[in-house]
Amino acid sequence: MSATRTWFITGASRGFGALWTEAVLERGDQVAATARDAAVLKPLADRFGSRLLPLALDVTDRTAVDTAVHSAEQQLGGIDVLVNNAGHMLVGAVEEVSAEQARAQMDVNYFGSLWTTRAVLPGMRERRSGRILQVSSFGGLVAYPALGIYQASKWALEAMSQSLAAEVGAYGIHVTLIEPIMFPTGLAEGSPRSQPDPAYDHARQALYTGASESGFVPGDPAATSAALLAVADAPNPPPRVLFGTGGLDALRTEYAGRLAGLEEWDHISRLAQGNPVRK
């Protein structure tokens, strides 16, 4: 696509968000980029001038999200592409994490994306076009020990986004879930951790052992920029796309196991069905 587009990218201060914001600007589009501290975006603002609108934003604040989206629409025009990238990864067994940590994880990863998505939808529906790129995770498709709350936030994002896609397709709006597998972006290092309980040392060990035995090879975060632009430019983008290699084999094993388990216990499914009298 050659026409200049307007993007709204959350979590633009580091990792994928920083790389993608720069890539979008370098190709000539304009971006409303958000970070909790907009000052970190100053180097990009100095380079790209008015094509970058830096916005301070905590995505968990729904009123602030609405205000930021409105500001972007007023200053840059209608938002063509939303990238919900803001998030963190809480490490800890389900019993270990505090209530505050669990709520914060859902507030950022799920509700933050929900509020931003809802804020851009009226404009996209009115223009009958738009792209919503939800940054999920390979952990949005499978679940590993010691990451249950993080992955729950991504599973929630997956379900919401799949339903959303069916709701807004009639308005020319495409929704794509991006599933990064393994990239050294600093996400884990910059995320909170629970207070470890020795009772779950085995769960953490299983996570680390599984990661080392998965066969996943860390990808180049910079290379994801070209992949993101390709998805955003595709006439008919996919509902889901893996970023990185090795995921398909792992998913084949995961889903085959799920189906095998359901088939093994199908007699219970039939027991639960009963024999209702048809009228």
C-alpha atoms as a PDB file:
ATOM      1  CA  MET A   1       0.000   0.000   0.000  1.00  0.00           C
ATOM      2  CA  SER A   2       1.419   3.382  -0.982  1.00  0.00           C
ATOM      3  CA  ALA A   3      -1.027   5.772   0.721  1.00  0.00           C
ATOM      4  CA  THR A   4       0.168   7.315   3.967  1.00  0.00           C
ATOM      5  CA  ARG A   5      -1.587   5.838   6.961  1.00  0.00           C
ATOM      6  CA  THR A   6      -2.021   6.801  10.586  1.00  0.00           C
ATOM      7  CA  TRP A   7      -1.023   4.324  13.281  1.00  0.00           C
ATOM      8  CA  PHE A   8      -1.714   4.220  17.019  1.00  0.00           C
ATOM      9  CA  ILE A   9       0.906   2.102  18.819  1.00  0.00           C
ATOM     10  CA  THR A  10       0.878   1.429  22.550  1.00  0.00           C
ATOM     11  CA  GLY A  11       3.926   0.443  24.555  1.00  0.00           C
ATOM     12  CA  ALA A  12       6.238   2.291  22.166  1.00  0.00           C
ATOM     13  CA  SER A  13       9.037   2.995  24.641  1.00  0.00           C
ATOM     14  CA  ARG A  14      10.901  -0.314  24.284  1.00  0.00           C
ATOM     15  CA  GLY A  15      10.976  -3.741  22.691  1.00  0.00           C
ATOM     16  CA  PHE A  16       8.666  -4.426  19.789  1.00  0.00           C
ATOM     17  CA  GLY A  17       6.816  -1.142  20.246  1.00  0.00           C
ATOM     18  CA  ALA A  18       9.941   0.970  19.822  1.00  0.00           C
ATOM     19  CA  LEU A  19      11.144  -1.014  16.810  1.00  0.00           C
ATOM     20  CA  TRP A  20       7.762  -0.963  15.091  1.00  0.00           C
ATOM     21  CA  THR A  21       7.184   2.732  15.697  1.00  0.00           C
ATOM     22  CA  GLU A  22      10.519   3.557  14.091  1.00  0.00           C
ATOM     23  CA  ALA A  23       9.871   1.239  11.130  1.00  0.00           C
ATOM     24  CA  VAL A  24       6.450   2.758  10.465  1.00  0.00           C
ATOM     25  CA  LEU A  25       7.873   6.272  10.581  1.00  0.00           C
ATOM     26  CA  GLU A  26      10.804   5.369   8.338  1.00  0.00           C
ATOM     27  CA  ARG A  27       8.486   4.246   5.586  1.00  0.00           C
ATOM     28  CA  GLY A  28       6.610   7.549   5.680  1.00  0.00           C
ATOM     29  CA  ASP A  29       3.502   6.878   7.762  1.00  0.00           C
ATOM     30  CA  GLN A  30       2.525   8.872  10.824  1.00  0.00           C
ATOM     31  CA  VAL A  31       2.234   7.463  14.327  1.00  0.00           C
ATOM     32  CA  ALA A  32       0.600   8.322  17.611  1.00  0.00           C
ATOM     33  CA  ALA A  33       2.970   6.461  19.932  1.00  0.00           C
ATOM     34  CA  THR A  34       2.201   5.964  23.601  1.00  0.00           C
ATOM     35  CA  ALA A  35       4.374   5.289  26.615  1.00  0.00           C
ATOM     36  CA  ARG A  36       3.931   5.755  30.324  1.00  0.00           C
ATOM     37  CA  ASP A  37       6.656   8.424  30.031  1.00  0.00           C
ATOM     38  CA  ALA A  38       6.390  10.199  26.683  1.00  0.00           C
ATOM     39  CA  ALA A  39       9.824  11.788  27.209  1.00  0.00           C
ATOM     40  CA  VAL A  40      11.483   8.543  26.083  1.00  0.00           C
ATOM     41  CA  LEU A  41      10.012   9.152  22.619  1.00  0.00           C
ATOM     42  CA  LYS A  42      11.807  12.493  22.202  1.00  0.00           C
ATOM     43  CA  PRO A  43      14.643  11.102  20.017  1.00  0.00           C
ATOM     44  CA  LEU A  44      12.078   9.826  17.514  1.00  0.00           C
ATOM     45  CA  ALA A  45      10.152  13.106  17.702  1.00  0.00           C
ATOM     46  CA  ASP A  46      13.356  14.978  16.918  1.00  0.00           C
ATOM     47  CA  ARG A  47      13.973  12.778  13.881  1.00  0.00           C
ATOM     48  CA  PHE A  48      10.479  12.620  12.425  1.00  0.00           C
ATOM     49  CA  GLY A  49       8.871  15.852  13.542  1.00  0.00           C
ATOM     50  CA  SER A  50       5.140  16.197  13.171  1.00  0.00           C
ATOM     51  CA  ARG A  51       4.705  12.655  11.825  1.00  0.00           C
ATOM     52  CA  LEU A  52       5.156  11.396  15.381  1.00  0.00           C
ATOM     53  CA  LEU A  53       2.705  12.313  18.109  1.00  0.00           C
ATOM     54  CA  PRO A  54       4.172  11.219  21.466  1.00  0.00           C
ATOM     55  CA  LEU A  55       1.512  10.577  24.090  1.00  0.00           C
ATOM     56  CA  ALA A  56       1.897   9.777  27.778  1.00  0.00           C
ATOM     57  CA  LEU A  57      -0.561   6.997  28.514  1.00  0.00           C
ATOM     58  CA  ASP A  58      -1.338   4.365  31.098  1.00  0.00           C
ATOM     59  CA  VAL A  59      -3.529   1.957  29.124  1.00  0.00           C
ATOM     60  CA  THR A  60      -5.280   0.794  32.275  1.00  0.00           C
ATOM     61  CA  ASP A  61      -6.909   4.246  32.584  1.00  0.00           C
ATOM     62  CA  ARG A  62      -9.939   4.037  30.291  1.00  0.00           C
ATOM     63  CA  THR A  63     -10.621   7.780  30.390  1.00  0.00           C
ATOM     64  CA  ALA A  64      -7.004   8.518  29.504  1.00  0.00           C
ATOM     65  CA  VAL A  65      -7.184   6.025  26.634  1.00  0.00           C
ATOM     66  CA  ASP A  66     -10.265   7.744  25.210  1.00  0.00           C
ATOM     67  CA  THR A  67      -8.546  11.116  25.526  1.00  0.00           C
ATOM     68  CA  ALA A  68      -5.361   9.882  23.827  1.00  0.00           C
ATOM     69  CA  VAL A  69      -7.243   8.362  20.904  1.00  0.00           C
ATOM     70  CA  HIS A  70      -9.307  11.536  20.515  1.00  0.00           C
ATOM     71  CA  SER A  71      -6.120  13.638  20.527  1.00  0.00           C
ATOM     72  CA  ALA A  72      -4.568  11.419  17.866  1.00  0.00           C
ATOM     73  CA  GLU A  73      -7.650  11.641  15.680  1.00  0.00           C
ATOM     74  CA  GLN A  74      -7.771  15.417  16.054  1.00  0.00           C
ATOM     75  CA  GLN A  75      -4.085  15.964  15.288  1.00  0.00           C
ATOM     76  CA  LEU A  76      -3.298  13.196  12.808  1.00  0.00           C
ATOM     77  CA  GLY A  77      -6.669  12.277  11.346  1.00  0.00           C
ATOM     78  CA  GLY A  78      -8.495   8.963  11.495  1.00  0.00           C
ATOM     79  CA  ILE A  79      -6.565   5.993  12.877  1.00  0.00           C
ATOM     80  CA  ASP A  80      -5.986   3.376  10.195  1.00  0.00           C
ATOM     81  CA  VAL A  81      -3.959   0.858  12.191  1.00  0.00           C
ATOM     82  CA  LEU A  82      -4.082   0.154  15.923  1.00  0.00           C
ATOM     83  CA  VAL A  83      -1.253  -1.891  17.445  1.00  0.00           C
ATOM     84  CA  ASN A  84      -2.016  -3.012  21.001  1.00  0.00           C
ATOM     85  CA  ASN A  85       1.495  -3.778  22.186  1.00  0.00           C
ATOM     86  CA  ALA A  86       1.622  -2.487  25.775  1.00  0.00           C
ATOM     87  CA  GLY A  87       2.004  -5.278  28.294  1.00  0.00           C
ATOM     88  CA  HIS A  88       4.121  -7.133  30.811  1.00  0.00           C
ATOM     89  CA  MET A  89       4.703 -10.769  31.752  1.00  0.00           C
ATOM     90  CA  LEU A  90       4.057 -11.818  35.330  1.00  0.00           C
ATOM     91  CA  VAL A  91       6.121 -14.855  36.267  1.00  0.00           C
ATOM     92  CA  GLY A  92       4.785 -17.014  39.075  1.00  0.00           C
ATOM     93  CA  ALA A  93       2.700 -20.050  39.918  1.00  0.00           C
ATOM     94  CA  VAL A  94      -1.020 -19.429  40.260  1.00  0.00           C
ATOM     95  CA  GLU A  95      -0.943 -19.722  44.064  1.00  0.00           C
ATOM     96  CA  GLU A  96       2.180 -17.563  44.359  1.00  0.00           C
ATOM     97  CA  VAL A  97       1.029 -14.363  42.686  1.00  0.00           C
ATOM     98  CA  SER A  98      -0.620 -11.705  44.794  1.00  0.00           C
ATOM     99  CA  ALA A  99      -4.134 -10.462  44.131  1.00  0.00           C
ATOM    100  CA  GLU A 100      -2.708  -7.070  43.190  1.00  0.00           C
ATOM    101  CA  GLN A 101      -0.283  -8.632  40.712  1.00  0.00           C
ATOM    102  CA  ALA A 102      -3.013 -10.730  39.111  1.00  0.00           C
ATOM    103  CA  ARG A 103      -5.323  -7.737  38.675  1.00  0.00           C
ATOM    104  CA  ALA A 104      -2.511  -5.577  37.309  1.00  0.00           C
ATOM    105  CA  GLN A 105      -1.666  -8.269  34.759  1.00  0.00           C
ATOM    106  CA  MET A 106      -5.233  -8.383  33.461  1.00  0.00           C
ATOM    107  CA  ASP A 107      -5.590  -4.600  33.611  1.00  0.00           C
ATOM    108  CA  VAL A 108      -2.602  -4.044  31.320  1.00  0.00           C
ATOM    109  CA  ASN A 109      -2.630  -7.013  28.955  1.00  0.00           C
ATOM    110  CA  TYR A 110      -6.369  -7.503  28.560  1.00  0.00           C
ATOM    111  CA  PHE A 111      -8.315  -4.453  29.671  1.00  0.00           C
ATOM    112  CA  GLY A 112      -5.704  -2.055  28.298  1.00  0.00           C
ATOM    113  CA  SER A 113      -6.125  -3.606  24.858  1.00  0.00           C
ATOM    114  CA  LEU A 114      -9.894  -3.688  25.266  1.00  0.00           C
ATOM    115  CA  TRP A 115     -10.130   0.024  26.105  1.00  0.00           C
ATOM    116  CA  THR A 116      -7.894   1.054  23.210  1.00  0.00           C
ATOM    117  CA  THR A 117      -9.744  -1.199  20.790  1.00  0.00           C
ATOM    118  CA  ARG A 118     -13.117   0.210  21.837  1.00  0.00           C
ATOM    119  CA  ALA A 119     -11.801   3.766  21.524  1.00  0.00           C
ATOM    120  CA  VAL A 120     -10.754   3.405  17.866  1.00  0.00           C
ATOM    121  CA  LEU A 121     -13.777   1.417  16.696  1.00  0.00           C
ATOM    122  CA  PRO A 122     -16.270   4.279  16.182  1.00  0.00           C
ATOM    123  CA  GLY A 123     -13.938   6.051  13.769  1.00  0.00           C
ATOM    124  CA  MET A 124     -13.035   2.863  11.942  1.00  0.00           C
ATOM    125  CA  ARG A 125     -16.684   1.877  11.595  1.00  0.00           C
ATOM    126  CA  GLU A 126     -17.554   5.308  10.261  1.00  0.00           C
ATOM    127  CA  ARG A 127     -14.797   5.088   7.631  1.00  0.00           C
ATOM    128  CA  ARG A 128     -15.595   1.391   7.050  1.00  0.00           C
ATOM    129  CA  SER A 129     -11.935   0.434   7.206  1.00  0.00           C
ATOM    130  CA  GLY A 130      -9.221  -0.273   9.736  1.00  0.00           C
ATOM    131  CA  ARG A 131      -6.683  -2.731  11.045  1.00  0.00           C
ATOM    132  CA  ILE A 132      -6.412  -3.858  14.660  1.00  0.00           C
ATOM    133  CA  LEU A 133      -3.232  -5.763  15.459  1.00  0.00           C
ATOM    134  CA  GLN A 134      -3.361  -7.402  18.878  1.00  0.00           C
ATOM    135  CA  VAL A 135       0.009  -8.450  20.261  1.00  0.00           C
ATOM    136  CA  SER A 136      -0.725 -11.721  21.993  1.00  0.00           C
ATOM    137  CA  SER A 137       1.868 -14.437  22.555  1.00  0.00           C
ATOM    138  CA  PHE A 138       2.586 -18.057  21.804  1.00  0.00           C
ATOM    139  CA  GLY A 139       1.376 -18.305  25.399  1.00  0.00           C
ATOM    140  CA  GLY A 140      -2.008 -17.177  24.140  1.00  0.00           C
ATOM    141  CA  LEU A 141      -2.310 -20.530  22.368  1.00  0.00           C
ATOM    142  CA  VAL A 142      -0.732 -22.869  24.929  1.00  0.00           C
ATOM    143  CA  ALA A 143      -0.119 -22.648  28.681  1.00  0.00           C
ATOM    144  CA  TYR A 144       2.972 -23.458  30.693  1.00  0.00           C
ATOM    145  CA  PRO A 145       3.573 -23.754  34.455  1.00  0.00           C
ATOM    146  CA  ALA A 146       4.604 -20.590  36.327  1.00  0.00           C
ATOM    147  CA  LEU A 147       3.064 -18.346  33.677  1.00  0.00           C
ATOM    148  CA  GLY A 148      -0.618 -19.047  34.287  1.00  0.00           C
ATOM    149  CA  ILE A 149      -1.789 -15.501  35.043  1.00  0.00           C
ATOM    150  CA  TYR A 150       0.177 -13.970  32.175  1.00  0.00           C
ATOM    151  CA  GLN A 151      -1.163 -16.552  29.781  1.00  0.00           C
ATOM    152  CA  ALA A 152      -4.700 -16.125  31.108  1.00  0.00           C
ATOM    153  CA  SER A 153      -4.492 -12.460  30.100  1.00  0.00           C
ATOM    154  CA  LYS A 154      -3.470 -13.474  26.592  1.00  0.00           C
ATOM    155  CA  TRP A 155      -6.140 -16.174  26.317  1.00  0.00           C
ATOM    156  CA  ALA A 156      -8.696 -13.522  27.242  1.00  0.00           C
ATOM    157  CA  LEU A 157      -7.291 -11.244  24.532  1.00  0.00           C
ATOM    158  CA  GLU A 158      -7.512 -14.106  22.035  1.00  0.00           C
ATOM    159  CA  ALA A 159     -11.186 -14.795  22.762  1.00  0.00           C
ATOM    160  CA  MET A 160     -12.187 -11.134  22.721  1.00  0.00           C
ATOM    161  CA  SER A 161     -10.339 -10.522  19.467  1.00  0.00           C
ATOM    162  CA  GLN A 162     -11.805 -13.559  17.710  1.00  0.00           C
ATOM    163  CA  SER A 163     -15.315 -12.440  18.630  1.00  0.00           C
ATOM    164  CA  LEU A 164     -14.491  -8.865  17.650  1.00  0.00           C
ATOM    165  CA  ALA A 165     -13.309  -9.946  14.211  1.00  0.00           C
ATOM    166  CA  ALA A 166     -16.692 -11.552  13.539  1.00  0.00           C
ATOM    167  CA  GLU A 167     -18.480  -8.413  14.760  1.00  0.00           C
ATOM    168  CA  VAL A 168     -16.601  -5.774  12.783  1.00  0.00           C
ATOM    169  CA  GLY A 169     -15.745  -7.559   9.549  1.00  0.00           C
ATOM    170  CA  ALA A 170     -18.907  -6.131   8.014  1.00  0.00           C
ATOM    171  CA  TYR A 171     -17.387  -2.644   8.428  1.00  0.00           C
ATOM    172  CA  GLY A 172     -14.170  -3.473   6.589  1.00  0.00           C
ATOM    173  CA  ILE A 173     -12.185  -3.767   9.830  1.00  0.00           C
ATOM    174  CA  HIS A 174      -9.626  -6.576  10.078  1.00  0.00           C
ATOM    175  CA  VAL A 175      -8.423  -7.997  13.406  1.00  0.00           C
ATOM    176  CA  THR A 176      -5.189  -9.978  13.612  1.00  0.00           C
ATOM    177  CA  LEU A 177      -3.639 -11.654  16.646  1.00  0.00           C
ATOM    178  CA  ILE A 178       0.158 -11.592  16.492  1.00  0.00           C
ATOM    179  CA  GLU A 179       1.721 -14.527  18.349  1.00  0.00           C
ATOM    180  CA  PRO A 180       5.446 -13.911  19.057  1.00  0.00           C
ATOM    181  CA  ILE A 181       7.274 -17.068  20.091  1.00  0.00           C
ATOM    182  CA  MET A 182      10.725 -16.263  21.505  1.00  0.00           C
ATOM    183  CA  PHE A 183      12.423 -12.890  21.129  1.00  0.00           C
ATOM    184  CA  PRO A 184      14.939 -11.137  23.396  1.00  0.00           C
ATOM    185  CA  THR A 185      13.010  -7.902  23.866  1.00  0.00           C
ATOM    186  CA  GLY A 186      13.613  -7.414  27.580  1.00  0.00           C
ATOM    187  CA  LEU A 187       9.992  -8.238  28.391  1.00  0.00           C
ATOM    188  CA  ALA A 188      10.831 -10.790  31.086  1.00  0.00           C
ATOM    189  CA  GLU A 189      13.537  -8.639  32.660  1.00  0.00           C
ATOM    190  CA  GLY A 190      11.234  -5.636  32.885  1.00  0.00           C
ATOM    191  CA  SER A 191       8.252  -7.516  34.283  1.00  0.00           C
ATOM    192  CA  PRO A 192       7.182  -8.243  37.883  1.00  0.00           C
ATOM    193  CA  ARG A 193       7.696 -11.579  39.576  1.00  0.00           C
ATOM    194  CA  SER A 194       5.837 -13.265  42.388  1.00  0.00           C
ATOM    195  CA  GLN A 195       7.400 -14.130  45.724  1.00  0.00           C
ATOM    196  CA  PRO A 196       8.658 -17.680  45.118  1.00  0.00           C
ATOM    197  CA  ASP A 197       7.216 -20.436  47.264  1.00  0.00           C
ATOM    198  CA  PRO A 198       9.479 -23.537  47.553  1.00  0.00           C
ATOM    199  CA  ALA A 199       6.358 -25.654  47.085  1.00  0.00           C
ATOM    200  CA  TYR A 200       6.422 -24.638  43.411  1.00  0.00           C
ATOM    201  CA  ASP A 201      10.130 -24.957  42.664  1.00  0.00           C
ATOM    202  CA  HIS A 202       9.230 -27.931  40.477  1.00  0.00           C
ATOM    203  CA  ALA A 203       6.861 -25.762  38.394  1.00  0.00           C
ATOM    204  CA  ARG A 204       9.526 -23.139  37.731  1.00  0.00           C
ATOM    205  CA  GLN A 205      12.013 -25.851  36.870  1.00  0.00           C
ATOM    206  CA  ALA A 206       9.486 -27.389  34.466  1.00  0.00           C
ATOM    207  CA  LEU A 207       9.087 -23.988  32.772  1.00  0.00           C
ATOM    208  CA  TYR A 208      12.819 -23.500  32.331  1.00  0.00           C
ATOM    209  CA  THR A 209      13.389 -27.106  31.261  1.00  0.00           C
ATOM    210  CA  GLY A 210      10.533 -26.905  28.788  1.00  0.00           C
ATOM    211  CA  ALA A 211      11.901 -23.676  27.334  1.00  0.00           C
ATOM    212  CA  SER A 212      15.346 -25.193  26.833  1.00  0.00           C
ATOM    213  CA  GLU A 213      13.922 -28.372  25.297  1.00  0.00           C
ATOM    214  CA  SER A 214      11.316 -26.695  23.112  1.00  0.00           C
ATOM    215  CA  GLY A 215      13.643 -26.318  20.177  1.00  0.00           C
ATOM    216  CA  PHE A 216      12.608 -22.692  19.793  1.00  0.00           C
ATOM    217  CA  VAL A 217      15.445 -20.514  18.552  1.00  0.00           C
ATOM    218  CA  PRO A 218      15.352 -16.867  19.681  1.00  0.00           C
ATOM    219  CA  GLY A 219      14.386 -14.621  16.790  1.00  0.00           C
ATOM    220  CA  ASP A 220      15.698 -11.198  15.811  1.00  0.00           C
ATOM    221  CA  PRO A 221      13.333  -8.538  17.209  1.00  0.00           C
ATOM    222  CA  ALA A 222      14.346  -6.095  14.455  1.00  0.00           C
ATOM    223  CA  ALA A 223      13.182  -8.558  11.794  1.00  0.00           C
ATOM    224  CA  THR A 224       9.638  -8.444  13.156  1.00  0.00           C
ATOM    225  CA  SER A 225       9.199  -4.927  11.775  1.00  0.00           C
ATOM    226  CA  ALA A 226       9.049  -6.193   8.197  1.00  0.00           C
ATOM    227  CA  ALA A 227       6.639  -8.922   9.291  1.00  0.00           C
ATOM    228  CA  LEU A 228       4.368  -6.416  11.014  1.00  0.00           C
ATOM    229  CA  LEU A 229       4.244  -4.166   7.948  1.00  0.00           C
ATOM    230  CA  ALA A 230       3.515  -7.153   5.712  1.00  0.00           C
ATOM    231  CA  VAL A 231       0.546  -8.129   7.875  1.00  0.00           C
ATOM    232  CA  ALA A 232      -0.728  -4.551   8.013  1.00  0.00           C
ATOM    233  CA  ASP A 233      -0.469  -4.230   4.232  1.00  0.00           C
ATOM    234  CA  ALA A 234      -2.052  -7.588   3.345  1.00  0.00           C
ATOM    235  CA  PRO A 235      -5.390  -7.172   1.524  1.00  0.00           C
ATOM    236  CA  ASN A 236      -6.816 -10.055   3.560  1.00  0.00           C
ATOM    237  CA  PRO A 237      -4.719 -10.380   6.716  1.00  0.00           C
ATOM    238  CA  PRO A 238      -4.845 -13.569   8.796  1.00  0.00           C
ATOM    239  CA  PRO A 239      -6.846 -13.836  12.020  1.00  0.00           C
ATOM    240  CA  ARG A 240      -3.674 -15.166  13.682  1.00  0.00           C
ATOM    241  CA  VAL A 241      -0.013 -15.236  12.692  1.00  0.00           C
ATOM    242  CA  LEU A 242       3.020 -16.652  14.464  1.00  0.00           C
ATOM    243  CA  PHE A 243       6.101 -14.452  14.676  1.00  0.00           C
ATOM    244  CA  GLY A 244       9.048 -16.835  14.781  1.00  0.00           C
ATOM    245  CA  THR A 245       9.632 -20.451  13.838  1.00  0.00           C
ATOM    246  CA  GLY A 246       8.998 -23.784  15.507  1.00  0.00           C
ATOM    247  CA  GLY A 247       5.537 -22.896  16.734  1.00  0.00           C
ATOM    248  CA  LEU A 248       3.585 -24.939  14.227  1.00  0.00           C
ATOM    249  CA  ASP A 249       5.137 -28.231  15.317  1.00  0.00           C
ATOM    250  CA  ALA A 250       4.509 -27.407  18.962  1.00  0.00           C
ATOM    251  CA  LEU A 251       0.890 -26.497  18.231  1.00  0.00           C
ATOM    252  CA  ARG A 252       0.298 -29.690  16.281  1.00  0.00           C
ATOM    253  CA  THR A 253       1.412 -31.655  19.341  1.00  0.00           C
ATOM    254  CA  GLU A 254      -0.632 -29.483  21.706  1.00  0.00           C
ATOM    255  CA  TYR A 255      -3.868 -29.646  19.742  1.00  0.00           C
ATOM    256  CA  ALA A 256      -3.516 -33.355  18.951  1.00  0.00           C
ATOM    257  CA  GLY A 257      -3.215 -33.966  22.688  1.00  0.00           C
ATOM    258  CA  ARG A 258      -6.290 -31.899  23.439  1.00  0.00           C
ATOM    259  CA  LEU A 259      -8.386 -33.752  20.873  1.00  0.00           C
ATOM    260  CA  ALA A 260      -7.112 -37.136  22.048  1.00  0.00           C
ATOM    261  CA  GLY A 261      -8.094 -36.284  25.618  1.00  0.00           C
ATOM    262  CA  LEU A 262     -11.572 -35.170  24.605  1.00  0.00           C
ATOM    263  CA  GLU A 263     -12.071 -38.318  22.554  1.00  0.00           C
ATOM    264  CA  GLU A 264     -10.867 -40.530  25.391  1.00  0.00           C
ATOM    265  CA  TRP A 265     -13.469 -39.011  27.696  1.00  0.00           C
ATOM    266  CA  ASP A 266     -16.257 -38.757  25.147  1.00  0.00           C
ATOM    267  CA  HIS A 267     -18.215 -41.343  27.125  1.00  0.00           C
ATOM    268  CA  ILE A 268     -18.516 -38.763  29.910  1.00  0.00           C
ATOM    269  CA  SER A 269     -19.660 -36.171  27.389  1.00  0.00           C
ATOM    270  CA  ARG A 270     -22.416 -38.549  26.298  1.00  0.00           C
ATOM    271  CA  LEU A 271     -23.294 -39.334  29.906  1.00  0.00           C
ATOM    272  CA  ALA A 272     -23.692 -35.608  30.575  1.00  0.00           C
ATOM    273  CA  GLN A 273     -25.912 -35.239  27.505  1.00  0.00           C
ATOM    274  CA  GLY A 274     -28.486 -37.674  28.834  1.00  0.00           C
ATOM    275  CA  ASN A 275     -31.468 -38.745  26.794  1.00  0.00           C
ATOM    276  CA  PRO A 276     -33.727 -35.709  26.551  1.00  0.00           C
ATOM    277  CA  VAL A 277     -37.222 -36.303  25.258  1.00  0.00           C
ATOM    278  CA  ARG A 278     -37.665 -34.523  21.958  1.00  0.00           C
ATOM    279  CA  LYS A 279     -40.990 -32.845  21.466  1.00  0.00           C
END
